């Protein structure tokens, strides 16, 4: 995935719709659309679930000997996402080593939890990967856990692999008495954002994200007004969206004043 840079008149630039998680700038007669890299923090109450991997696939625990396969999986899962937009193949491979060897397996970000799972093919064709998905979970306090990495090979995405992985992890977490599973994703990763919502994760209050969404809602209302094609029902929907995020910003700013910024910025709270 690459940032977008293209010539355009400023009046046309103002009419561009904006995608969440992307930064829109204008100079020298060009639009510049680059990742904003805003991270959303979400949480899920842990309950036992039944894991149903797609046919041909099986679930098992993560093993120390999986590191080479996990490296390849990381690259196949993330190389074309906003997370590594504009990165070279070498940079993505370096991120794989840092995230898996220096991060998860080393325990530097927290103790690996036994709820971690991989999905694999027991008899892959020659040259094809055996592991096609992984949910790497860290212990998080006395009664919590964090989904450190959720990876699905690009050829197996949107086939229920992520749901099977996290369902299996949740089942183990529930048996271990864990109450909450936390996860994070790049707001511009539309697939990850949608999956977390469908699975039941709930976003933590975040002042920076609320301000960004208010700005996007205001831009969309202004864009549609300038386009001249706004009908009353759509106007009412846009006004409601602006009102929703303005109220959220006001409430979080008041909370920040009363309790401090850590209360409204999840990234300030360490896992």
Protein backbone atom coordinates (compact mmCIF):
# COMPACT_ATOMS: atom_id res chain seq x y z
CA UNK A 1 0.00 0.00 0.00
CA UNK A 2 1.24 3.45 -0.89
CA UNK A 3 0.34 7.01 0.07
CA UNK A 4 -1.47 8.93 -2.66
CA UNK A 5 -0.12 12.13 -4.22
CA UNK A 6 -1.92 13.56 -7.23
CA UNK A 7 -2.56 16.91 -8.97
CA UNK A 8 -5.93 18.51 -8.28
CA UNK A 9 -7.53 21.93 -7.99
CA UNK A 10 -8.06 23.09 -4.42
CA UNK A 11 -11.82 23.39 -5.00
CA UNK A 12 -11.87 19.73 -6.06
CA UNK A 13 -9.67 18.75 -3.13
CA UNK A 14 -12.24 20.22 -0.75
CA UNK A 15 -14.86 17.91 -2.27
CA UNK A 16 -12.88 14.71 -1.68
CA UNK A 17 -14.54 12.29 0.77
CA UNK A 18 -12.25 11.35 3.66
CA UNK A 19 -11.53 7.87 4.93
CA UNK A 20 -10.97 7.35 8.67
CA UNK A 21 -7.34 7.11 9.72
CA UNK A 22 -5.93 9.02 6.73
CA UNK A 23 -4.44 12.52 6.64
CA UNK A 24 -5.51 14.83 3.79
CA UNK A 25 -3.19 17.74 2.95
CA UNK A 26 -2.87 20.12 0.01
CA UNK A 27 0.16 21.99 -1.32
CA UNK A 28 1.81 22.82 -4.62
CA UNK A 29 -1.34 21.97 -6.54
CA UNK A 30 -1.37 18.39 -5.28
CA UNK A 31 -3.40 16.35 -2.81
CA UNK A 32 -1.32 14.33 -0.35
CA UNK A 33 -3.14 11.46 1.35
CA UNK A 34 -0.97 9.69 3.92
CA UNK A 35 -1.56 7.44 6.96
CA UNK A 36 -2.44 9.23 10.16
CA UNK A 37 -1.63 6.07 12.17
CA UNK A 38 -4.31 6.62 14.78
CA UNK A 39 -4.70 3.62 17.05
CA UNK A 40 -8.08 2.60 18.44
CA UNK A 41 -8.13 0.66 21.73
CA UNK A 42 -11.01 -1.78 22.18
CA UNK A 43 -12.08 -4.21 24.90
CA UNK A 44 -14.20 -7.33 25.08
CA UNK A 45 -15.69 -9.14 28.07
CA UNK A 46 -14.30 -12.67 28.09
CA UNK A 47 -16.80 -15.48 27.69
CA UNK A 48 -16.40 -19.06 26.50
CA UNK A 49 -16.89 -19.46 22.75
CA UNK A 50 -16.86 -22.32 20.30
CA UNK A 51 -14.08 -22.11 17.70
CA UNK A 52 -14.95 -23.33 14.22
CA UNK A 53 -12.00 -23.04 11.83
CA UNK A 54 -12.75 -23.34 8.12
CA UNK A 55 -12.45 -26.76 6.50
CA UNK A 56 -8.90 -27.99 5.83
CA UNK A 57 -7.63 -26.05 8.86
CA UNK A 58 -6.87 -27.02 12.46
CA UNK A 59 -6.16 -25.11 15.68
CA UNK A 60 -3.32 -25.63 18.13
CA UNK A 61 -1.19 -23.80 20.70
CA UNK A 62 1.72 -21.60 19.64
CA UNK A 63 5.08 -23.39 19.84
CA UNK A 64 8.59 -21.97 20.18
CA UNK A 65 9.53 -23.54 16.83
CA UNK A 66 6.82 -21.53 15.04
CA UNK A 67 8.89 -18.34 14.82
CA UNK A 68 10.01 -18.73 11.17
CA UNK A 69 6.44 -19.48 10.04
CA UNK A 70 5.14 -16.58 12.11
CA UNK A 71 7.62 -14.24 10.39
CA UNK A 72 6.30 -15.27 6.97
CA UNK A 73 2.73 -14.97 8.18
CA UNK A 74 3.35 -11.45 9.51
CA UNK A 75 4.63 -10.29 6.11
CA UNK A 76 1.76 -11.97 4.22
CA UNK A 77 -0.80 -10.45 6.60
CA UNK A 78 0.48 -6.88 6.90
CA UNK A 79 2.65 -5.94 3.90
CA UNK A 80 -0.29 -4.41 1.98
CA UNK A 81 -2.07 -2.74 4.90
CA UNK A 82 -1.99 0.83 6.18
CA UNK A 83 0.10 -0.39 9.13
CA UNK A 84 3.13 -0.60 6.79
CA UNK A 85 2.09 1.85 4.11
CA UNK A 86 5.13 2.99 2.05
CA UNK A 87 7.40 0.46 3.81
CA UNK A 88 9.92 -1.56 1.81
CA UNK A 89 9.81 -5.39 1.92
CA UNK A 90 12.97 -5.30 4.05
CA UNK A 91 11.30 -2.94 6.53
CA UNK A 92 8.25 -5.20 6.83
CA UNK A 93 10.49 -8.22 7.42
CA UNK A 94 12.38 -6.27 10.06
CA UNK A 95 9.09 -5.36 11.74
CA UNK A 96 8.17 -9.06 11.75
CA UNK A 97 11.35 -9.97 13.60
CA UNK A 98 10.92 -7.10 16.04
CA UNK A 99 7.25 -7.87 16.74
CA UNK A 100 7.60 -11.64 17.08
CA UNK A 101 11.13 -12.45 18.26
CA UNK A 102 12.01 -9.25 20.12
CA UNK A 103 8.42 -8.58 21.20
CA UNK A 104 6.04 -11.48 21.72
CA UNK A 105 8.36 -14.50 22.09
CA UNK A 106 10.88 -12.62 24.24
CA UNK A 107 8.21 -11.50 26.69
CA UNK A 108 9.43 -7.92 26.43
CA UNK A 109 5.90 -6.58 25.94
CA UNK A 110 4.44 -8.92 28.53
CA UNK A 111 4.25 -12.62 29.33
CA UNK A 112 2.92 -14.72 26.41
CA UNK A 113 -0.38 -16.27 27.44
CA UNK A 114 -1.16 -19.93 26.86
CA UNK A 115 -4.39 -18.83 25.12
CA UNK A 116 -2.31 -17.92 22.06
CA UNK A 117 -3.35 -20.00 19.04
CA UNK A 118 -2.38 -20.71 15.44
CA UNK A 119 -4.49 -22.08 12.60
CA UNK A 120 -2.63 -24.44 10.29
CA UNK A 121 -3.03 -26.83 7.38
CA UNK A 122 -1.98 -30.32 8.36
CA UNK A 123 -0.96 -31.22 4.80
CA UNK A 124 -0.08 -28.07 2.82
CA UNK A 125 0.99 -28.32 -0.81
CA UNK A 126 4.73 -28.03 -1.51
CA UNK A 127 5.91 -24.48 -1.00
CA UNK A 128 2.70 -23.31 0.69
CA UNK A 129 2.68 -22.09 4.31
CA UNK A 130 1.42 -24.43 7.00
CA UNK A 131 0.38 -21.69 9.46
CA UNK A 132 -2.21 -19.38 7.90
CA UNK A 133 -3.32 -17.47 11.00
CA UNK A 134 -2.24 -16.62 14.53
CA UNK A 135 -3.66 -14.90 17.60
CA UNK A 136 -0.80 -14.00 19.96
CA UNK A 137 -2.06 -13.11 23.43
CA UNK A 138 -0.23 -11.47 26.33
CA UNK A 139 -1.11 -11.57 30.01
CA UNK A 140 -2.35 -8.14 31.10
CA UNK A 141 -2.58 -7.64 34.84
CA UNK A 142 -4.23 -10.13 37.21
CA UNK A 143 -7.49 -10.62 35.33
CA UNK A 144 -6.90 -9.28 31.81
CA UNK A 145 -5.22 -10.17 28.55
CA UNK A 146 -4.14 -8.30 25.43
CA UNK A 147 -4.41 -9.46 21.84
CA UNK A 148 -0.86 -8.52 20.88
CA UNK A 149 -1.03 -9.68 17.25
CA UNK A 150 -3.86 -11.04 15.13
CA UNK A 151 -2.56 -12.20 11.75
CA UNK A 152 -4.25 -13.99 8.86
CA UNK A 153 -2.49 -14.82 5.60
CA UNK A 154 -3.84 -12.62 2.79
CA UNK A 155 -5.08 -15.72 0.90
CA UNK A 156 -7.19 -16.79 3.89
CA UNK A 157 -8.69 -13.48 4.96
CA UNK A 158 -12.49 -13.04 5.19
CA UNK A 159 -12.97 -16.80 5.58
CA UNK A 160 -13.55 -17.02 9.33
CA UNK A 161 -9.95 -17.64 10.38
CA UNK A 162 -9.65 -14.61 12.68
CA UNK A 163 -12.98 -15.42 14.33
CA UNK A 164 -11.93 -19.03 14.94
CA UNK A 165 -8.57 -17.96 16.38
CA UNK A 166 -9.93 -15.38 18.82
CA UNK A 167 -12.85 -17.63 19.79
CA UNK A 168 -10.36 -20.35 20.73
CA UNK A 169 -8.25 -17.86 22.66
CA UNK A 170 -11.33 -16.58 24.51
CA UNK A 171 -12.34 -20.09 25.49
CA UNK A 172 -8.95 -20.65 27.14
CA UNK A 173 -8.97 -17.21 28.75
CA UNK A 174 -12.40 -17.86 30.24
CA UNK A 175 -11.22 -21.17 31.71
CA UNK A 176 -8.22 -19.34 33.19
CA UNK A 177 -10.43 -16.76 34.90
CA UNK A 178 -9.49 -13.82 32.66
CA UNK A 179 -12.23 -11.18 32.53
CA UNK A 180 -11.25 -8.76 29.75
CA UNK A 181 -9.44 -9.00 26.42
CA UNK A 182 -7.97 -5.78 25.02
CA UNK A 183 -7.00 -5.17 21.41
CA UNK A 184 -5.75 -2.31 19.25
CA UNK A 185 -5.85 -1.57 15.55
CA UNK A 186 -4.98 1.21 13.12
CA UNK A 187 -8.12 3.26 12.50
CA UNK A 188 -7.30 3.32 8.78
CA UNK A 189 -7.31 -0.49 8.56
CA UNK A 190 -10.94 -0.80 7.46
CA UNK A 191 -10.95 -4.61 7.52
CA UNK A 192 -9.58 -4.78 11.06
CA UNK A 193 -11.91 -2.03 12.24
CA UNK A 194 -14.94 -3.85 10.82
CA UNK A 195 -13.89 -7.26 12.18
CA UNK A 196 -13.39 -5.98 15.74
CA UNK A 197 -16.85 -4.39 15.63
CA UNK A 198 -18.54 -7.55 14.33
CA UNK A 199 -16.80 -9.71 16.92
CA UNK A 200 -18.12 -7.54 19.75
CA UNK A 201 -15.17 -5.40 20.82
CA UNK A 202 -16.16 -2.00 22.23
CA UNK A 203 -14.01 1.07 21.69
CA UNK A 204 -12.48 2.77 24.71
CA UNK A 205 -13.22 6.51 25.07
CA UNK A 206 -10.45 8.39 23.26
CA UNK A 207 -10.32 12.17 23.02
CA UNK A 208 -7.94 12.25 20.05
CA UNK A 209 -10.10 9.88 18.02
CA UNK A 210 -13.26 11.76 18.96
CA UNK A 211 -11.72 15.06 17.78
CA UNK A 212 -10.63 13.43 14.54
CA UNK A 213 -14.09 11.99 13.92
CA UNK A 214 -15.71 15.34 14.66
CA UNK A 215 -13.41 16.99 12.09
CA UNK A 216 -14.31 14.30 9.53
CA UNK A 217 -18.03 14.72 10.21
CA UNK A 218 -17.78 18.50 9.82
CA UNK A 219 -15.85 18.05 6.57
CA UNK A 220 -18.43 15.61 5.19
CA UNK A 221 -21.28 18.01 5.97
CA UNK A 222 -19.39 20.90 4.39
CA UNK A 223 -18.41 18.76 1.38
CA UNK A 224 -21.99 17.72 0.69
CA UNK A 225 -23.25 21.28 1.08
CA UNK A 226 -20.69 22.52 -1.46
CA UNK A 227 -21.55 19.70 -3.84
CA UNK A 228 -25.13 20.95 -3.82
CA UNK A 229 -26.73 17.50 -3.80
CA UNK A 230 -27.74 17.29 -0.14
CA UNK A 231 -31.37 16.34 0.50
CA UNK A 232 -33.13 16.87 3.82
CA UNK A 233 -32.97 13.28 5.20
CA UNK A 234 -29.24 13.12 4.45
CA UNK A 235 -28.73 16.56 6.02
CA UNK A 236 -30.44 15.36 9.19
CA UNK A 237 -28.16 12.28 9.29
CA UNK A 238 -25.05 14.43 8.87
CA UNK A 239 -26.22 16.88 11.54
CA UNK A 240 -26.79 13.99 13.92
CA UNK A 241 -23.27 12.67 13.26
CA UNK A 242 -21.74 16.09 13.92
CA UNK A 243 -23.82 16.44 17.09
CA UNK A 244 -22.80 12.97 18.29
CA UNK A 245 -19.07 13.61 18.00
CA UNK A 246 -19.29 17.17 19.32
CA UNK A 247 -21.04 15.86 22.44
CA UNK A 248 -18.39 13.11 22.76
CA UNK A 249 -15.55 15.64 22.49
CA UNK A 250 -17.17 17.95 25.05
CA UNK A 251 -17.71 15.08 27.49
CA UNK A 252 -14.16 13.76 27.14
CA UNK A 253 -12.62 17.23 27.48
CA UNK A 254 -14.57 17.73 30.70
CA UNK A 255 -13.42 14.33 31.94
CA UNK A 256 -9.82 15.14 31.06
CA UNK A 257 -10.02 18.35 33.07
CA UNK A 258 -11.44 16.50 36.06
CA UNK A 259 -9.37 13.30 35.95
CA UNK A 260 -6.32 14.02 33.78
CA UNK A 261 -5.46 13.12 30.18
CA UNK A 262 -4.73 9.48 31.03
CA UNK A 263 -8.47 9.00 31.62
CA UNK A 264 -9.29 9.87 27.99
CA UNK A 265 -6.20 8.66 26.12
CA UNK A 266 -5.95 4.85 26.26
CA UNK A 267 -2.44 4.83 24.79
CA UNK A 268 -1.17 6.58 27.92
CA UNK A 269 -2.26 3.56 29.95
CA UNK A 270 0.40 0.88 29.64
CA UNK A 271 -0.62 -2.69 29.00
